[in-house]
Protein backbone atom coordinates (compact mmCIF):
# COMPACT_ATOMS: atom_id res chain seq x y z
CA MET A 1 163.91 146.04 83.96
CA PHE A 2 163.38 142.28 85.22
CA ARG A 3 162.31 139.78 82.55
CA THR A 4 160.99 136.68 83.84
CA GLY A 5 162.72 132.86 83.77
CA PRO A 6 161.49 130.61 81.39
CA ARG A 7 158.56 128.88 83.52
CA ASN A 8 157.98 131.83 85.79
CA LEU A 9 158.55 130.21 88.59
CA ILE A 10 160.70 129.85 91.78
CA THR A 11 161.87 126.56 90.13
CA ASP A 12 163.88 128.66 87.18
CA VAL A 13 166.52 129.34 90.81
CA ALA A 14 168.59 125.87 89.63
CA GLY A 15 168.48 123.29 92.17
CA LEU A 16 165.17 123.26 93.84
CA ARG A 17 162.21 121.37 93.08
CA VAL A 18 158.28 122.14 94.32
CA GLY A 19 155.53 119.33 95.13
CA ASN A 20 152.24 119.94 96.24
CA ALA A 21 149.39 117.68 97.99
CA SER A 22 145.97 118.74 98.50
CA ASP A 23 142.92 117.65 100.16
CA VAL A 24 140.18 118.92 98.75
CA ARG A 25 137.64 117.85 101.53
CA LEU A 26 139.44 119.41 104.13
CA LYS A 27 140.26 122.29 101.96
CA SER A 28 143.81 122.38 103.02
CA GLY A 29 147.02 120.97 101.44
CA VAL A 30 151.11 121.16 102.12
CA THR A 31 153.76 122.76 99.30
CA THR A 32 157.49 121.68 100.10
CA ILE A 33 160.06 123.11 98.10
CA VAL A 34 163.21 120.38 97.83
CA CYS A 35 166.95 121.22 97.37
CA ASP A 36 168.60 119.16 94.88
CA GLU A 37 172.04 119.82 97.38
CA PRO A 38 171.81 121.40 100.57
CA ALA A 39 171.17 125.37 100.09
CA VAL A 40 172.08 128.27 102.47
CA ALA A 41 169.26 129.05 104.19
CA GLY A 42 167.30 132.37 106.42
CA VAL A 43 163.86 133.68 107.83
CA GLN A 44 162.23 136.86 108.37
CA ILE A 45 159.03 137.01 110.52
CA LEU A 46 156.88 140.45 110.86
CA GLY A 47 153.80 138.76 111.27
CA GLY A 48 151.92 138.64 114.70
CA ALA A 49 151.14 135.46 115.15
CA PRO A 50 153.46 132.76 113.58
CA GLY A 51 153.46 129.01 113.42
CA THR A 52 156.94 127.61 112.61
CA ARG A 53 159.17 124.70 113.17
CA GLU A 54 163.24 124.84 112.99
CA THR A 55 163.52 128.90 112.35
CA ASP A 56 166.11 129.50 114.98
CA LEU A 57 168.40 127.21 113.33
CA LEU A 58 168.19 129.76 110.37
CA GLU A 59 169.73 132.74 112.12
CA PRO A 60 173.21 133.27 111.22
CA HIS A 61 174.85 132.74 114.43
CA ASN A 62 173.58 129.28 114.77
CA SER A 63 176.20 126.51 113.34
CA ILE A 64 173.59 124.58 110.80
CA GLU A 65 174.56 126.06 106.97
CA ALA A 66 172.36 124.82 104.70
CA ILE A 67 168.91 122.82 105.02
CA HIS A 68 167.28 120.56 102.44
CA ALA A 69 164.08 121.34 102.41
CA VAL A 70 160.82 123.87 103.13
CA VAL A 71 157.33 122.84 103.91
CA LEU A 72 154.61 125.52 103.72
CA SER A 73 151.66 123.96 105.31
CA GLY A 74 147.89 124.59 106.17
CA GLY A 75 146.08 123.45 109.52
CA SER A 76 147.15 125.78 111.54
CA ALA A 77 150.03 124.49 114.39
CA PHE A 78 148.30 121.04 113.53
CA GLY A 79 150.16 121.75 110.07
CA LEU A 80 153.50 121.60 111.37
CA ASP A 81 153.44 117.86 111.18
CA ALA A 82 153.38 118.58 107.41
CA ALA A 83 157.41 118.35 108.10
CA SER A 84 157.77 115.46 109.49
CA GLY A 85 156.47 114.04 106.07
CA VAL A 86 158.94 115.41 104.33
CA GLN A 87 161.64 114.50 106.47
CA ALA A 88 160.50 111.07 105.88
CA ALA A 89 160.28 110.88 102.38
CA LEU A 90 164.03 112.82 102.19
CA ARG A 91 165.60 109.80 104.96
CA GLU A 92 164.23 107.20 102.71
CA ARG A 93 166.31 108.55 99.76
CA GLY A 94 169.58 109.48 101.98
CA ILE A 95 169.30 112.99 102.73
CA GLY A 96 170.45 114.56 105.23
CA VAL A 97 172.97 115.42 107.88
CA GLU A 98 174.97 112.42 109.16
CA VAL A 99 175.02 112.29 113.10
CA GLY A 100 176.44 109.34 114.49
CA GLY A 101 175.41 107.12 111.50
CA VAL A 102 171.82 108.43 111.35
CA ARG A 103 170.79 110.94 108.68
CA VAL A 104 168.77 113.60 109.91
CA PRO A 105 167.53 116.03 107.18
CA ILE A 106 166.67 119.65 108.06
CA VAL A 107 163.35 120.82 107.29
CA PRO A 108 162.06 124.09 108.51
CA ALA A 109 158.61 124.66 108.03
CA ALA A 110 155.68 127.49 108.92
CA ILE A 111 151.92 127.35 108.64
CA LEU A 112 149.05 129.37 107.83
CA PHE A 113 145.50 129.30 109.88
CA ASP A 114 142.59 127.73 107.00
CA LEU A 115 140.47 126.03 110.18
CA ARG A 116 137.48 128.29 109.23
CA ASN A 117 137.71 128.47 105.50
CA GLY A 118 134.53 125.64 104.91
CA GLY A 119 136.57 122.46 105.05
CA ASP A 120 136.05 119.36 106.70
CA LYS A 121 138.13 119.36 109.60
CA ASP A 122 137.06 116.10 111.01
CA TRP A 123 140.06 114.11 110.76
CA GLY A 124 139.87 111.77 113.70
CA ARG A 125 142.71 111.20 116.25
CA TYR A 126 145.48 112.24 114.16
CA PRO A 127 145.60 115.20 111.45
CA PRO A 128 146.46 114.52 108.27
CA TYR A 129 149.40 116.78 107.27
CA ARG A 130 152.07 114.16 107.93
CA ASP A 131 150.86 112.21 105.22
CA LEU A 132 150.52 114.99 102.92
CA GLY A 133 153.73 116.35 103.66
CA TYR A 134 155.27 113.10 102.61
CA ALA A 135 152.92 113.26 99.29
CA ALA A 136 153.82 116.38 98.31
CA ALA A 137 158.25 115.66 98.68
CA GLN A 138 156.85 112.87 96.56
CA ALA A 139 155.70 114.69 93.72
CA VAL A 140 158.36 117.39 93.44
CA SER A 141 159.22 118.46 90.00
CA SER A 142 160.15 121.88 87.86
CA ASP A 143 156.51 122.47 87.11
CA PHE A 144 153.83 122.83 89.25
CA ALA A 145 150.10 124.31 89.47
CA LEU A 146 149.49 127.56 90.88
CA GLY A 147 146.13 128.53 92.95
CA THR A 148 144.30 126.74 94.76
CA VAL A 149 146.74 123.44 95.24
CA GLY A 150 149.34 122.75 98.17
CA ALA A 151 149.34 125.50 101.05
CA GLY A 152 147.10 127.52 98.69
CA THR A 153 144.16 125.05 98.79
CA GLY A 154 142.12 126.41 101.62
CA ALA A 155 143.55 129.89 101.66
CA LEU A 156 141.28 133.05 101.85
CA SER A 157 141.96 136.82 101.49
CA SER A 158 140.11 139.45 102.51
CA GLY A 159 137.10 139.23 100.09
CA LEU A 160 138.60 136.53 97.83
CA LYS A 161 140.01 133.33 97.79
CA GLY A 162 143.93 133.35 98.11
CA GLY A 163 145.70 130.78 96.53
CA LEU A 164 149.59 129.21 95.95
CA GLY A 165 151.61 132.18 94.02
CA SER A 166 154.86 132.01 92.03
CA ALA A 167 157.10 133.97 90.02
CA SER A 168 160.76 134.44 89.06
CA ALA A 169 163.29 137.06 87.55
CA GLU A 170 166.87 137.12 85.58
CA LEU A 171 168.72 139.71 86.43
CA ASP A 172 171.85 141.68 84.60
CA SER A 173 174.26 140.19 87.12
CA GLY A 174 173.39 136.58 85.63
CA VAL A 175 171.63 135.60 89.14
CA THR A 176 167.59 134.19 89.20
CA ILE A 177 165.33 135.18 92.11
CA GLY A 178 162.45 133.08 92.27
CA ALA A 179 159.35 133.47 95.04
CA LEU A 180 156.69 130.97 95.92
CA ALA A 181 153.69 132.58 98.70
CA ALA A 182 150.70 130.84 100.17
CA VAL A 183 148.79 133.64 100.34
CA ASN A 184 146.16 133.86 103.08
CA PRO A 185 146.55 137.33 104.93
CA THR A 186 144.08 139.49 106.96
CA GLY A 187 144.34 142.22 104.29
CA SER A 188 143.64 142.69 100.33
CA VAL A 189 145.99 142.05 97.66
CA THR A 190 143.14 144.11 95.11
CA ILE A 191 142.27 147.47 95.34
CA ALA A 192 138.80 147.96 97.41
CA GLN A 193 136.63 145.91 95.30
CA THR A 194 137.76 146.33 92.40
CA ARG A 195 139.76 143.85 89.89
CA HIS A 196 143.23 145.74 90.21
CA PHE A 197 145.89 144.65 92.26
CA TRP A 198 148.17 146.56 94.49
CA ALA A 199 150.85 144.58 93.11
CA ALA A 200 150.23 146.27 89.72
CA PRO A 201 153.72 148.49 88.98
CA PHE A 202 155.53 145.21 89.09
CA GLU A 203 153.34 142.73 86.58
CA ILE A 204 155.57 141.86 83.63
CA GLY A 205 153.31 141.27 81.10
CA ASP A 206 149.98 140.32 81.86
CA GLU A 207 151.17 137.44 84.33
CA PHE A 208 147.95 138.66 86.67
CA GLY A 209 145.33 140.45 84.53
CA GLY A 210 147.50 143.36 82.94
CA LEU A 211 144.96 145.89 84.51
CA GLY A 212 147.91 148.40 86.10
CA TYR A 213 145.91 150.94 88.83
CA PRO A 214 142.48 151.96 88.39
CA SER A 215 141.84 155.45 87.21
CA PRO A 216 140.55 157.39 89.05
CA MET A 217 141.48 155.71 92.26
CA PRO A 218 138.44 154.37 94.09
CA GLU A 219 137.17 156.56 97.06
CA ASP A 220 137.29 153.19 99.38
CA ALA A 221 140.44 151.93 98.05
CA LYS A 222 141.76 152.28 101.35
CA THR A 223 138.70 150.61 102.79
CA ILE A 224 139.74 147.38 104.61
CA LEU A 225 137.41 144.52 103.54
CA LEU A 226 137.38 142.40 106.39
CA LYS A 227 133.36 142.74 106.68
CA PHE A 228 133.87 139.23 104.49
CA ARG A 229 135.46 137.88 107.09
CA ASP A 230 133.16 139.14 109.86
CA LYS A 231 130.20 137.36 107.83
CA HIS A 232 131.81 134.38 106.90
CA ILE A 233 134.28 133.31 109.25
CA GLY A 234 133.54 135.26 112.81
CA LYS A 235 134.08 138.98 114.01
CA ARG A 236 137.07 140.25 112.53
CA ALA A 237 140.24 138.28 112.01
CA LYS A 238 141.26 136.72 115.05
CA VAL A 239 144.95 136.60 116.11
CA GLY A 240 146.68 133.76 113.94
CA GLY A 241 143.50 133.83 111.65
CA ASN A 242 145.61 134.17 108.80
CA THR A 243 149.18 134.95 107.46
CA THR A 244 150.96 134.78 104.03
CA ILE A 245 154.20 132.52 104.39
CA ALA A 246 156.48 132.70 101.32
CA ILE A 247 159.79 131.48 100.31
CA ILE A 248 162.43 134.00 98.23
CA ALA A 249 165.29 132.07 96.29
CA THR A 250 168.00 132.49 94.13
CA ASP A 251 171.13 130.88 92.69
CA ALA A 252 173.53 133.53 93.35
CA VAL A 253 176.34 132.60 96.33
CA LEU A 254 175.39 134.14 99.70
CA THR A 255 176.26 133.98 103.09
CA LYS A 256 173.74 132.79 106.13
CA ALA A 257 173.53 136.72 106.88
CA ALA A 258 173.11 137.68 103.17
CA ALA A 259 169.83 134.72 102.84
CA LYS A 260 168.55 136.64 105.95
CA ARG A 261 168.59 140.25 104.56
CA LEU A 262 167.22 138.54 101.15
CA ALA A 263 164.44 137.32 103.33
CA ILE A 264 164.18 141.11 105.14
CA SER A 265 163.97 142.92 101.39
CA ALA A 266 161.12 139.82 100.17
CA HIS A 267 159.05 141.31 103.20
CA ASP A 268 158.83 144.14 100.73
CA GLY A 269 157.13 142.42 98.37
CA PHE A 270 154.08 142.09 100.63
CA VAL A 271 153.69 145.65 101.64
CA ARG A 272 153.63 146.44 97.57
CA ALA A 273 151.25 143.19 97.57
CA ILE A 274 148.69 143.12 100.37
CA TRP A 275 147.32 146.16 102.52
CA PRO A 276 147.16 145.78 105.33
CA THR A 277 149.84 143.25 105.98
CA HIS A 278 152.26 142.45 109.31
CA THR A 279 149.20 142.86 111.80
CA PRO A 280 148.90 140.73 114.93
CA ALA A 281 146.51 138.59 113.03
CA ASP A 282 148.84 137.39 110.26
CA GLY A 283 151.69 135.12 110.95
CA ASP A 284 153.73 136.80 107.99
CA LEU A 285 157.21 135.32 107.36
CA VAL A 286 159.55 134.87 104.56
CA PHE A 287 162.58 131.90 104.43
CA ALA A 288 164.98 132.69 101.84
CA LEU A 289 167.37 129.81 99.97
CA ALA A 290 170.64 130.40 98.08
CA THR A 291 171.62 127.26 95.92
CA GLY A 292 174.86 128.92 94.67
CA ARG A 293 174.38 127.21 91.48
CA SER A 294 175.20 130.05 89.23
CA GLY A 295 178.46 130.39 91.12
CA ILE A 296 178.19 134.15 91.13
CA GLU A 297 179.12 136.12 94.15
CA LEU A 298 177.49 139.63 93.56
CA ALA A 299 179.15 142.83 93.49
CA PRO A 300 177.81 145.58 96.07
CA ASN A 301 175.78 147.39 93.84
CA ASP A 302 174.62 144.08 91.94
CA ALA A 303 173.50 142.72 95.15
CA ILE A 304 171.02 145.81 95.89
CA ASP A 305 169.92 144.69 92.26
CA LEU A 306 168.50 141.28 93.86
CA TYR A 307 167.75 142.63 97.31
CA ALA A 308 165.31 145.41 95.05
CA ALA A 309 164.28 142.06 92.89
CA ALA A 310 163.32 140.19 95.86
CA GLY A 311 160.72 142.72 96.64
CA ALA A 312 159.15 142.52 93.15
CA THR A 313 159.32 139.22 92.63
CA MET A 314 157.55 138.45 95.86
CA ALA A 315 155.00 141.12 95.17
CA ARG A 316 154.10 139.13 91.97
CA ALA A 317 154.17 135.61 93.49
CA ILE A 318 151.35 136.81 95.84
CA SER A 319 149.36 138.53 93.30
CA ARG A 320 149.62 135.72 91.01
CA GLY A 321 148.45 133.17 93.99
CA VAL A 322 145.12 134.78 94.39
CA PHE A 323 144.72 135.28 90.48
CA ALA A 324 145.16 131.95 89.81
CA ALA A 325 142.83 130.38 92.47
CA THR A 326 139.87 128.51 90.92
CA PRO A 327 136.20 127.81 92.58
CA ALA A 328 135.18 124.69 94.73
CA LYS A 329 132.42 123.42 96.29
CA GLY A 330 131.55 124.96 99.99
CA ASP A 331 133.78 127.86 99.30
CA LEU A 332 133.24 131.07 101.58
CA PHE A 333 134.82 133.45 99.27
CA PRO A 334 134.48 133.91 95.54
CA VAL A 335 137.66 133.48 93.11
CA TRP A 336 139.39 136.71 91.42
CA SER A 337 138.30 135.16 87.97
CA SER A 338 134.73 136.19 89.42
CA ARG A 339 134.65 139.63 90.14
């Protein structure tokens, strides 16, 4: 049995802080997670339409051992600029790898597609994501909001608004694990058009409603609710038109290879929380961070528990992002609380 950390946020993992910046007119935003000290990192991409920056360096065979921050952004490819803003904020603080007397912050990033969500995208010559990234890095804290905020500001799921979600768990081994997800998938996080979440078996308490599974299961439980996107966004989900991007983090001591395995395991949470997922139209990606703050190197059996918790915690974070979404002017989709 897993128990939540005191905040039930990814910042229950010691050594991490999160900042959000949102533009309500744009219906988009940026979320960044900043490491107090460089953290071991990995990544796993399973969606067919990813948009990324600095992910190759996270592979175990490449030389960079630790990173300084991770960025999740709206804006499709335009949102990759957000990492430059976070870099600028970190460099001002003297954070980065020293190369020839110059500090270079290592800031991998991933984006989701929120360009057709009812927001005003007429931003002129340059998109606003660099400035949003800078603002998010300046706003980092142990406490942060969920739902329609940061990278989840303009997120949509199949039939409901998406959002920014987070969750944590404390394990019997003494380590903590946390997840952060910007939820904008092709698929649905709820069972058909009910209020019940696919991830219900992993819920702790009533963190996303406490409703469990419907009984009996609706006959249309396997129906893909893309008709909502057909009506409001365009015929069927287009390639690159969706994506759930996420971070899984722990205070355990991990190698780069083990961090990649953690990212792989966290994708199980996508499968448990979203149906369907990992489609050609999604850029589904998970970054993994290991701060090592606990000082614990896990025995084999405890490592299995960690990887199991990665999937469960990610599923909870995804559901909490949709659960916490709030309505805003010009929305295309309703929020979960209105269903």
